[in-house]
Amino acid sequence: MKELFVLFMLSVCYLGLEQLQEGAITYEMKVNMHRRLPNQDMKNMIPEYQTSQTRLFFNANESFYKNANDEEDDLEISGGSGGMTFRIKRPISEIYRHFDNGQKLEQREFMGKKYLIEGEIKQTPWKVTGEMEEIAGYNCMKATHADSVGTFARNIVAWFTPDIPVPAGPDSFGSLPGMILKVDINEGEMVYTAINISNKKPGKNDLKAPSGGKKVTEEEFRELMREQMKQMGGQGRMMFGN
């Protein structure tokens, strides 16, 4: 943490920009649908990429992450001489974080059921590099981390900006000395990229903790997912955040 603090102070002094303390960020989430499919026939049935948008509201003490809208995402699946279109509705995924008390509350939908997951904000052991990249008009620093979720190994690259001094980001990613504006999992398997950043003050309902659903711990929810993956023969996707 000492190294992160030094990097944070150096970045603020170097960039010399006015810091953004509250606002909203829209992310594009791009998923490579072909990456884990076992054969070409299955790949021919669906598009290679699926994109959607998510939104993060934040101030100095809180953040709230959710799907950008409730519209259904269409995957076009063709077969034979004609085409078929299935409407796939994105599951609910809402994450509220309170940085002062270190707590988070998530509402997730899994197999048609809603769950309310209570837990602490975990500190990810990021490794900050000296690389820089501009994202959505902000100079960002690169940080890396490797972990595993279920049977899947994840190599995670995050880009964060000290000019938004809030330790949040898309999904459950955070715990860096600045807002995460981009996350790349396994070199393009899933990528979150900030495409719009607003300095408009969030409304009262924009930072409201989710409610409704069966209350479970994070480990209990992970176990539910692991059991379902076993039943699916290990072909399911687990992209659960931190």
C-alpha atoms as a PDB file:
ATOM      1  CA  MET A   1       0.000   0.000   0.000  1.00  0.00           C
ATOM      2  CA  LYS A   2       2.928   2.335   0.584  1.00  0.00           C
ATOM      3  CA  GLU A   3       3.973   1.952  -3.048  1.00  0.00           C
ATOM      4  CA  LEU A   4       0.422   2.673  -4.223  1.00  0.00           C
ATOM      5  CA  PHE A   5       0.275   5.806  -2.083  1.00  0.00           C
ATOM      6  CA  VAL A   6       3.573   7.074  -3.519  1.00  0.00           C
ATOM      7  CA  LEU A   7       2.353   6.411  -7.062  1.00  0.00           C
ATOM      8  CA  PHE A   8      -0.897   8.174  -6.268  1.00  0.00           C
ATOM      9  CA  MET A   9       0.845  11.296  -4.991  1.00  0.00           C
ATOM     10  CA  LEU A  10       3.276  11.370  -7.915  1.00  0.00           C
ATOM     11  CA  SER A  11       0.417  11.051 -10.397  1.00  0.00           C
ATOM     12  CA  VAL A  12      -1.581  13.864  -8.839  1.00  0.00           C
ATOM     13  CA  CYS A  13       1.431  16.162  -8.809  1.00  0.00           C
ATOM     14  CA  TYR A  14       2.400  15.235 -12.362  1.00  0.00           C
ATOM     15  CA  LEU A  15      -1.006  15.520 -13.996  1.00  0.00           C
ATOM     16  CA  GLY A  16      -2.066  18.614 -12.083  1.00  0.00           C
ATOM     17  CA  LEU A  17      -5.714  18.180 -13.062  1.00  0.00           C
ATOM     18  CA  GLU A  18      -8.827  18.980 -11.074  1.00  0.00           C
ATOM     19  CA  GLN A  19     -10.056  15.828  -9.384  1.00  0.00           C
ATOM     20  CA  LEU A  20     -13.541  14.493  -9.981  1.00  0.00           C
ATOM     21  CA  GLN A  21     -15.177  13.571  -6.664  1.00  0.00           C
ATOM     22  CA  GLU A  22     -18.640  12.499  -7.859  1.00  0.00           C
ATOM     23  CA  GLY A  23     -20.467  11.617 -11.028  1.00  0.00           C
ATOM     24  CA  ALA A  24     -21.415   8.686 -13.252  1.00  0.00           C
ATOM     25  CA  ILE A  25     -19.486   6.447 -15.635  1.00  0.00           C
ATOM     26  CA  THR A  26     -20.925   4.410 -18.491  1.00  0.00           C
ATOM     27  CA  TYR A  27     -18.939   1.313 -19.409  1.00  0.00           C
ATOM     28  CA  GLU A  28     -19.108  -0.856 -22.497  1.00  0.00           C
ATOM     29  CA  MET A  29     -18.838  -4.527 -21.564  1.00  0.00           C
ATOM     30  CA  LYS A  30     -17.580  -6.709 -24.423  1.00  0.00           C
ATOM     31  CA  VAL A  31     -17.579 -10.505 -24.045  1.00  0.00           C
ATOM     32  CA  ASN A  32     -15.905 -12.951 -26.423  1.00  0.00           C
ATOM     33  CA  MET A  33     -18.628 -15.581 -26.785  1.00  0.00           C
ATOM     34  CA  HIS A  34     -16.407 -17.941 -28.786  1.00  0.00           C
ATOM     35  CA  ARG A  35     -13.490 -18.163 -26.362  1.00  0.00           C
ATOM     36  CA  ARG A  36     -14.711 -21.171 -24.377  1.00  0.00           C
ATOM     37  CA  LEU A  37     -16.893 -22.918 -26.949  1.00  0.00           C
ATOM     38  CA  PRO A  38     -15.577 -26.427 -27.725  1.00  0.00           C
ATOM     39  CA  ASN A  39     -16.118 -26.616 -31.516  1.00  0.00           C
ATOM     40  CA  GLN A  40     -16.572 -24.545 -34.660  1.00  0.00           C
ATOM     41  CA  ASP A  41     -20.186 -25.646 -35.218  1.00  0.00           C
ATOM     42  CA  MET A  42     -21.222 -24.002 -31.968  1.00  0.00           C
ATOM     43  CA  LYS A  43     -19.204 -20.894 -32.833  1.00  0.00           C
ATOM     44  CA  ASN A  44     -21.006 -20.634 -36.171  1.00  0.00           C
ATOM     45  CA  MET A  45     -24.340 -20.403 -34.346  1.00  0.00           C
ATOM     46  CA  ILE A  46     -23.667 -17.205 -32.390  1.00  0.00           C
ATOM     47  CA  PRO A  47     -21.802 -13.912 -32.908  1.00  0.00           C
ATOM     48  CA  GLU A  48     -18.232 -13.807 -31.658  1.00  0.00           C
ATOM     49  CA  TYR A  49     -18.830 -10.801 -29.404  1.00  0.00           C
ATOM     50  CA  GLN A  50     -21.689  -9.600 -27.266  1.00  0.00           C
ATOM     51  CA  THR A  51     -21.655  -6.003 -26.074  1.00  0.00           C
ATOM     52  CA  SER A  52     -23.772  -4.236 -23.484  1.00  0.00           C
ATOM     53  CA  GLN A  53     -23.536  -1.180 -21.271  1.00  0.00           C
ATOM     54  CA  THR A  54     -23.311  -0.786 -17.516  1.00  0.00           C
ATOM     55  CA  ARG A  55     -23.250   2.302 -15.303  1.00  0.00           C
ATOM     56  CA  LEU A  56     -21.461   3.295 -12.119  1.00  0.00           C
ATOM     57  CA  PHE A  57     -22.666   6.163  -9.911  1.00  0.00           C
ATOM     58  CA  PHE A  58     -20.240   7.401  -7.275  1.00  0.00           C
ATOM     59  CA  ASN A  59     -19.201   9.993  -4.749  1.00  0.00           C
ATOM     60  CA  ALA A  60     -16.317  10.073  -2.279  1.00  0.00           C
ATOM     61  CA  ASN A  61     -17.996   7.593   0.105  1.00  0.00           C
ATOM     62  CA  GLU A  62     -20.264   5.369  -2.015  1.00  0.00           C
ATOM     63  CA  SER A  63     -20.722   3.734  -5.403  1.00  0.00           C
ATOM     64  CA  PHE A  64     -23.551   1.888  -7.106  1.00  0.00           C
ATOM     65  CA  TYR A  65     -23.056  -0.301 -10.186  1.00  0.00           C
ATOM     66  CA  LYS A  66     -25.866  -1.646 -12.379  1.00  0.00           C
ATOM     67  CA  ASN A  67     -26.910  -2.524 -15.926  1.00  0.00           C
ATOM     68  CA  ALA A  68     -27.306   0.651 -17.959  1.00  0.00           C
ATOM     69  CA  ASN A  69     -30.866  -0.207 -18.971  1.00  0.00           C
ATOM     70  CA  ASP A  70     -33.442  -2.988 -18.833  1.00  0.00           C
ATOM     71  CA  GLU A  71     -33.580  -3.653 -22.558  1.00  0.00           C
ATOM     72  CA  GLU A  72     -33.158  -7.197 -23.767  1.00  0.00           C
ATOM     73  CA  ASP A  73     -29.983  -8.115 -25.639  1.00  0.00           C
ATOM     74  CA  ASP A  74     -30.559 -10.107 -28.818  1.00  0.00           C
ATOM     75  CA  LEU A  75     -28.290 -12.937 -29.913  1.00  0.00           C
ATOM     76  CA  GLU A  76     -28.990 -13.972 -33.488  1.00  0.00           C
ATOM     77  CA  ILE A  77     -28.653 -17.749 -33.850  1.00  0.00           C
ATOM     78  CA  SER A  78     -28.936 -19.036 -37.417  1.00  0.00           C
ATOM     79  CA  GLY A  79     -29.417 -22.586 -38.588  1.00  0.00           C
ATOM     80  CA  GLY A  80     -30.344 -24.351 -41.822  1.00  0.00           C
ATOM     81  CA  SER A  81     -31.728 -22.113 -44.555  1.00  0.00           C
ATOM     82  CA  GLY A  82     -33.244 -19.577 -42.187  1.00  0.00           C
ATOM     83  CA  GLY A  83     -32.372 -17.702 -39.062  1.00  0.00           C
ATOM     84  CA  MET A  84     -33.685 -17.783 -35.526  1.00  0.00           C
ATOM     85  CA  THR A  85     -33.492 -15.000 -32.979  1.00  0.00           C
ATOM     86  CA  PHE A  86     -33.505 -15.644 -29.261  1.00  0.00           C
ATOM     87  CA  ARG A  87     -34.065 -12.797 -26.853  1.00  0.00           C
ATOM     88  CA  ILE A  88     -31.736 -13.115 -23.898  1.00  0.00           C
ATOM     89  CA  LYS A  89     -32.458 -10.822 -20.984  1.00  0.00           C
ATOM     90  CA  ARG A  90     -29.451  -9.777 -18.962  1.00  0.00           C
ATOM     91  CA  PRO A  91     -29.615 -10.996 -15.355  1.00  0.00           C
ATOM     92  CA  ILE A  92     -29.821  -8.425 -12.576  1.00  0.00           C
ATOM     93  CA  SER A  93     -26.410  -7.420 -11.289  1.00  0.00           C
ATOM     94  CA  GLU A  94     -26.271  -4.514  -8.840  1.00  0.00           C
ATOM     95  CA  ILE A  95     -23.413  -3.679  -6.482  1.00  0.00           C
ATOM     96  CA  TYR A  96     -23.463  -1.065  -3.722  1.00  0.00           C
ATOM     97  CA  ARG A  97     -20.254  -0.178  -1.908  1.00  0.00           C
ATOM     98  CA  HIS A  98     -19.730   2.033   1.141  1.00  0.00           C
ATOM     99  CA  PHE A  99     -16.056   2.876   1.428  1.00  0.00           C
ATOM    100  CA  ASP A 100     -16.096   4.404   4.909  1.00  0.00           C
ATOM    101  CA  ASN A 101     -17.297   1.213   6.600  1.00  0.00           C
ATOM    102  CA  GLY A 102     -15.754  -1.160   4.058  1.00  0.00           C
ATOM    103  CA  GLN A 103     -19.019  -2.970   3.302  1.00  0.00           C
ATOM    104  CA  LYS A 104     -20.717  -3.968   0.061  1.00  0.00           C
ATOM    105  CA  LEU A 105     -24.146  -5.315  -0.839  1.00  0.00           C
ATOM    106  CA  GLU A 106     -24.815  -7.085  -4.125  1.00  0.00           C
ATOM    107  CA  GLN A 107     -28.040  -8.165  -5.754  1.00  0.00           C
ATOM    108  CA  ARG A 108     -27.479 -10.878  -8.344  1.00  0.00           C
ATOM    109  CA  GLU A 109     -29.825 -13.003 -10.374  1.00  0.00           C
ATOM    110  CA  PHE A 110     -28.827 -16.645 -10.873  1.00  0.00           C
ATOM    111  CA  MET A 111     -30.927 -19.373 -12.468  1.00  0.00           C
ATOM    112  CA  GLY A 112     -34.013 -17.155 -12.275  1.00  0.00           C
ATOM    113  CA  LYS A 113     -33.648 -16.380  -8.562  1.00  0.00           C
ATOM    114  CA  LYS A 114     -32.531 -13.185  -6.841  1.00  0.00           C
ATOM    115  CA  TYR A 115     -29.854 -13.201  -4.162  1.00  0.00           C
ATOM    116  CA  LEU A 116     -28.701 -10.450  -1.826  1.00  0.00           C
ATOM    117  CA  ILE A 117     -25.012 -10.926  -1.029  1.00  0.00           C
ATOM    118  CA  GLU A 118     -23.570  -9.182   2.007  1.00  0.00           C
ATOM    119  CA  GLY A 119     -19.860  -8.881   2.603  1.00  0.00           C
ATOM    120  CA  GLU A 120     -16.771  -6.756   3.061  1.00  0.00           C
ATOM    121  CA  ILE A 121     -14.926  -4.859   0.363  1.00  0.00           C
ATOM    122  CA  LYS A 122     -11.843  -6.996  -0.223  1.00  0.00           C
ATOM    123  CA  GLN A 123      -8.457  -5.449  -0.879  1.00  0.00           C
ATOM    124  CA  THR A 124      -7.072  -6.918  -4.096  1.00  0.00           C
ATOM    125  CA  PRO A 125      -3.257  -7.298  -4.131  1.00  0.00           C
ATOM    126  CA  TRP A 126      -2.775  -5.328  -7.342  1.00  0.00           C
ATOM    127  CA  LYS A 127       0.678  -4.891  -8.846  1.00  0.00           C
ATOM    128  CA  VAL A 128       1.024  -1.382 -10.264  1.00  0.00           C
ATOM    129  CA  THR A 129       3.304  -0.942 -13.275  1.00  0.00           C
ATOM    130  CA  GLY A 130       4.737   2.231 -14.745  1.00  0.00           C
ATOM    131  CA  GLU A 131       2.655   2.045 -17.933  1.00  0.00           C
ATOM    132  CA  MET A 132       0.181   4.794 -18.792  1.00  0.00           C
ATOM    133  CA  GLU A 133      -2.813   4.950 -21.143  1.00  0.00           C
ATOM    134  CA  GLU A 134      -5.455   7.569 -21.883  1.00  0.00           C
ATOM    135  CA  ILE A 135      -9.037   6.367 -21.479  1.00  0.00           C
ATOM    136  CA  ALA A 136     -12.100   8.601 -21.920  1.00  0.00           C
ATOM    137  CA  GLY A 137      -9.883  11.668 -21.641  1.00  0.00           C
ATOM    138  CA  TYR A 138      -8.183  10.598 -18.402  1.00  0.00           C
ATOM    139  CA  ASN A 139      -4.570   9.523 -17.941  1.00  0.00           C
ATOM    140  CA  CYS A 140      -4.603   6.069 -16.374  1.00  0.00           C
ATOM    141  CA  MET A 141      -2.042   3.804 -14.740  1.00  0.00           C
ATOM    142  CA  LYS A 142      -1.819   0.063 -15.312  1.00  0.00           C
ATOM    143  CA  ALA A 143      -2.255  -2.523 -12.555  1.00  0.00           C
ATOM    144  CA  THR A 144      -2.287  -6.322 -12.853  1.00  0.00           C
ATOM    145  CA  HIS A 145      -3.594  -9.217 -10.782  1.00  0.00           C
ATOM    146  CA  ALA A 146      -4.039 -12.971 -11.266  1.00  0.00           C
ATOM    147  CA  ASP A 147      -6.604 -15.137  -9.509  1.00  0.00           C
ATOM    148  CA  SER A 148      -9.078 -17.906 -10.169  1.00  0.00           C
ATOM    149  CA  VAL A 149     -12.861 -18.140  -9.981  1.00  0.00           C
ATOM    150  CA  GLY A 150     -14.090 -21.701  -9.754  1.00  0.00           C
ATOM    151  CA  THR A 151     -12.074 -23.667 -12.313  1.00  0.00           C
ATOM    152  CA  PHE A 152     -11.183 -20.620 -14.398  1.00  0.00           C
ATOM    153  CA  ALA A 153      -7.874 -18.793 -14.082  1.00  0.00           C
ATOM    154  CA  ARG A 154      -8.016 -15.054 -14.666  1.00  0.00           C
ATOM    155  CA  ASN A 155      -5.251 -12.677 -15.667  1.00  0.00           C
ATOM    156  CA  ILE A 156      -6.641  -9.214 -14.982  1.00  0.00           C
ATOM    157  CA  VAL A 157      -5.314  -5.903 -16.264  1.00  0.00           C
ATOM    158  CA  ALA A 158      -6.881  -2.725 -14.892  1.00  0.00           C
ATOM    159  CA  TRP A 159      -6.321   0.911 -15.824  1.00  0.00           C
ATOM    160  CA  PHE A 160      -7.125   3.449 -13.098  1.00  0.00           C
ATOM    161  CA  THR A 161      -6.932   7.221 -12.807  1.00  0.00           C
ATOM    162  CA  PRO A 162      -5.929   9.097  -9.617  1.00  0.00           C
ATOM    163  CA  ASP A 163      -7.852  12.084 -11.012  1.00  0.00           C
ATOM    164  CA  ILE A 164     -11.026  10.346  -9.851  1.00  0.00           C
ATOM    165  CA  PRO A 165      -9.893   9.464  -6.288  1.00  0.00           C
ATOM    166  CA  VAL A 166     -12.557   6.818  -5.628  1.00  0.00           C
ATOM    167  CA  PRO A 167     -11.449   3.169  -5.127  1.00  0.00           C
ATOM    168  CA  ALA A 168     -14.168   1.711  -7.369  1.00  0.00           C
ATOM    169  CA  GLY A 169     -14.672   0.405 -10.896  1.00  0.00           C
ATOM    170  CA  PRO A 170     -16.864  -1.845 -13.027  1.00  0.00           C
ATOM    171  CA  ASP A 171     -18.437  -4.918 -11.442  1.00  0.00           C
ATOM    172  CA  SER A 172     -16.659  -5.665  -8.134  1.00  0.00           C
ATOM    173  CA  PHE A 173     -13.263  -4.408  -9.287  1.00  0.00           C
ATOM    174  CA  GLY A 174     -11.702  -1.700  -7.166  1.00  0.00           C
ATOM    175  CA  SER A 175      -9.333  -1.108  -4.224  1.00  0.00           C
ATOM    176  CA  LEU A 176      -6.900   0.991  -6.253  1.00  0.00           C
ATOM    177  CA  PRO A 177      -6.018   4.629  -5.456  1.00  0.00           C
ATOM    178  CA  GLY A 178      -8.290   5.898  -8.213  1.00  0.00           C
ATOM    179  CA  MET A 179     -11.246   4.937 -10.369  1.00  0.00           C
ATOM    180  CA  ILE A 180     -10.794   1.955 -12.691  1.00  0.00           C
ATOM    181  CA  LEU A 181     -11.773   2.965 -16.221  1.00  0.00           C
ATOM    182  CA  LYS A 182     -10.835  -0.244 -18.023  1.00  0.00           C
ATOM    183  CA  VAL A 183     -10.566  -3.928 -17.106  1.00  0.00           C
ATOM    184  CA  ASP A 184      -9.297  -6.635 -19.461  1.00  0.00           C
ATOM    185  CA  ILE A 185      -9.751 -10.257 -18.364  1.00  0.00           C
ATOM    186  CA  ASN A 186      -7.662 -12.935 -20.083  1.00  0.00           C
ATOM    187  CA  GLU A 187      -6.572 -10.747 -22.991  1.00  0.00           C
ATOM    188  CA  GLY A 188      -9.946  -9.893 -24.418  1.00  0.00           C
ATOM    189  CA  GLU A 189     -12.194 -12.604 -23.014  1.00  0.00           C
ATOM    190  CA  MET A 190     -14.134  -9.907 -21.180  1.00  0.00           C
ATOM    191  CA  VAL A 191     -13.363  -6.187 -21.384  1.00  0.00           C
ATOM    192  CA  TYR A 192     -14.975  -3.260 -19.562  1.00  0.00           C
ATOM    193  CA  THR A 193     -14.156   0.180 -21.011  1.00  0.00           C
ATOM    194  CA  ALA A 194     -15.383   3.581 -19.830  1.00  0.00           C
ATOM    195  CA  ILE A 195     -17.041   5.345 -22.779  1.00  0.00           C
ATOM    196  CA  ASN A 196     -18.629   8.299 -20.995  1.00  0.00           C
ATOM    197  CA  ILE A 197     -17.815  10.105 -17.746  1.00  0.00           C
ATOM    198  CA  SER A 198     -20.213  12.659 -16.285  1.00  0.00           C
ATOM    199  CA  ASN A 199     -19.575  15.073 -13.415  1.00  0.00           C
ATOM    200  CA  LYS A 200     -23.294  15.371 -12.658  1.00  0.00           C
ATOM    201  CA  LYS A 201     -24.036  14.802  -8.986  1.00  0.00           C
ATOM    202  CA  PRO A 202     -25.819  11.441  -8.477  1.00  0.00           C
ATOM    203  CA  GLY A 203     -29.399  11.636  -7.256  1.00  0.00           C
ATOM    204  CA  LYS A 204     -30.546  10.047  -4.023  1.00  0.00           C
ATOM    205  CA  ASN A 205     -31.847   6.935  -5.787  1.00  0.00           C
ATOM    206  CA  ASP A 206     -28.646   6.580  -7.823  1.00  0.00           C
ATOM    207  CA  LEU A 207     -26.727   5.555  -4.703  1.00  0.00           C
ATOM    208  CA  LYS A 208     -29.422   3.477  -3.063  1.00  0.00           C
ATOM    209  CA  ALA A 209     -28.441   0.022  -1.788  1.00  0.00           C
ATOM    210  CA  PRO A 210     -30.303  -2.833  -3.535  1.00  0.00           C
ATOM    211  CA  SER A 211     -32.977  -4.799  -1.687  1.00  0.00           C
ATOM    212  CA  GLY A 212     -34.924  -7.985  -2.287  1.00  0.00           C
ATOM    213  CA  GLY A 213     -33.762 -11.545  -2.720  1.00  0.00           C
ATOM    214  CA  LYS A 214     -32.474 -14.347  -0.521  1.00  0.00           C
ATOM    215  CA  LYS A 215     -29.695 -13.160   1.788  1.00  0.00           C
ATOM    216  CA  VAL A 216     -26.489 -15.191   1.419  1.00  0.00           C
ATOM    217  CA  THR A 217     -22.789 -14.730   2.024  1.00  0.00           C
ATOM    218  CA  GLU A 218     -20.379 -14.371  -0.871  1.00  0.00           C
ATOM    219  CA  GLU A 219     -19.025 -17.878  -0.295  1.00  0.00           C
ATOM    220  CA  GLU A 220     -22.530 -19.354  -0.240  1.00  0.00           C
ATOM    221  CA  PHE A 221     -23.283 -17.698  -3.563  1.00  0.00           C
ATOM    222  CA  ARG A 222     -20.033 -18.949  -5.077  1.00  0.00           C
ATOM    223  CA  GLU A 223     -20.907 -22.461  -3.929  1.00  0.00           C
ATOM    224  CA  LEU A 224     -24.268 -22.207  -5.688  1.00  0.00           C
ATOM    225  CA  MET A 225     -22.454 -21.279  -8.880  1.00  0.00           C
ATOM    226  CA  ARG A 226     -19.903 -24.065  -8.495  1.00  0.00           C
ATOM    227  CA  GLU A 227     -22.618 -26.665  -8.031  1.00  0.00           C
ATOM    228  CA  GLN A 228     -24.456 -25.427 -11.099  1.00  0.00           C
ATOM    229  CA  MET A 229     -21.245 -25.587 -13.139  1.00  0.00           C
ATOM    230  CA  LYS A 230     -20.761 -29.207 -12.116  1.00  0.00           C
ATOM    231  CA  GLN A 231     -24.260 -30.019 -13.327  1.00  0.00           C
ATOM    232  CA  MET A 232     -23.478 -28.276 -16.619  1.00  0.00           C
ATOM    233  CA  GLY A 233     -20.342 -30.355 -17.079  1.00  0.00           C
ATOM    234  CA  GLY A 234     -17.986 -27.466 -16.459  1.00  0.00           C
ATOM    235  CA  GLN A 235     -19.124 -25.560 -19.560  1.00  0.00           C
ATOM    236  CA  GLY A 236     -20.581 -22.609 -17.681  1.00  0.00           C
ATOM    237  CA  ARG A 237     -18.922 -19.217 -17.513  1.00  0.00           C
ATOM    238  CA  MET A 238     -17.965 -17.652 -14.224  1.00  0.00           C
ATOM    239  CA  MET A 239     -16.966 -14.037 -14.423  1.00  0.00           C
ATOM    240  CA  PHE A 240     -17.741 -13.062 -10.872  1.00  0.00           C
ATOM    241  CA  GLY A 241     -15.798 -10.009  -9.700  1.00  0.00           C
ATOM    242  CA  ASN A 242     -13.628  -9.543  -6.615  1.00  0.00           C
END
